Amino acid sequence: MNMIDKMNKAVIFDMDGVIVDTGPYHKQSWYDLAEKHGWRMSEEFFAHTFGMQNYQIIPQMTDDSLSREQIDEAGLWKEIRFRELIAGQIAPLAGVLEIITELKSQGFKLAVGSSGPRMNVEMVLRGSGVKDYYDAIIAGEDVRNGKPAPDTFLAAAKAIGISPDRCVVIEDAVHGVEAAKTAGMKVVAVTTTNPAENLKQADLVVDSLGELSAVDFEGLLD
């Protein structure tokens, strides 16, 4: 591999469950939304849809036929509730700051590729103290199709000018792993919200980002 190839490298981070453990706050806000409308919600449904966008999730919660306006309104309520719940609770997961700073020192470009609304993404990244490390941030509004479609990660790669085959994605959701593989990228899965057996499509599965070093990401790209 020539020197240009070695410098052409990136890591794209999912946010929820990778940078910050936002899962409990998302779960509670979904339960609150379901209670408000009399819709169904369960642990299994939450786990199955985690990582997807609201427009994909909300129609599955009810037998009623909802208009896009009704879906958007419900999604807005849910996200406001999420931000209320997580305020003051934001902290990066173990190993996040260490791997971010090491990757930057080794010449990796870094991006965030999240299904969440930009307001949530900006709030969480600022609150966890990592926003300024990233060269690009892709949120739910920036793509036409949410995960498991590859759009989010392809948009992130385009934003930082790195070809998909030189990108490694870090994910915790099954739909996110599928999206990254469809995008032609290597994937590291972290077991924050899913057991390892559910993430076996990934190239590497770890329990914490603290287990990783820049050498692991270089190895996946080589």
Foldseek 3Di string as FASTA:
>chain_A
DDPVLQLQAAEEEEPDLAFWPLLVLLLVLVVVLCVVVVWDDDPVLCQQCPQWAQVVRVVVRDPDDDDPVRSVVSSVSSVVSSCVVCVPPAETDPQNVVQLVQCVVSNHAYEYQGAADPVVVVVNCVVHPNVVSHPYYHYNVNFDGGFVALGRVVVRCVSVVHQLLRYEYEEAGLRVLNNSVVSVHAYEYEPSPHDPVSNVSHPHYYPHNNVDHVVVSVVSSD
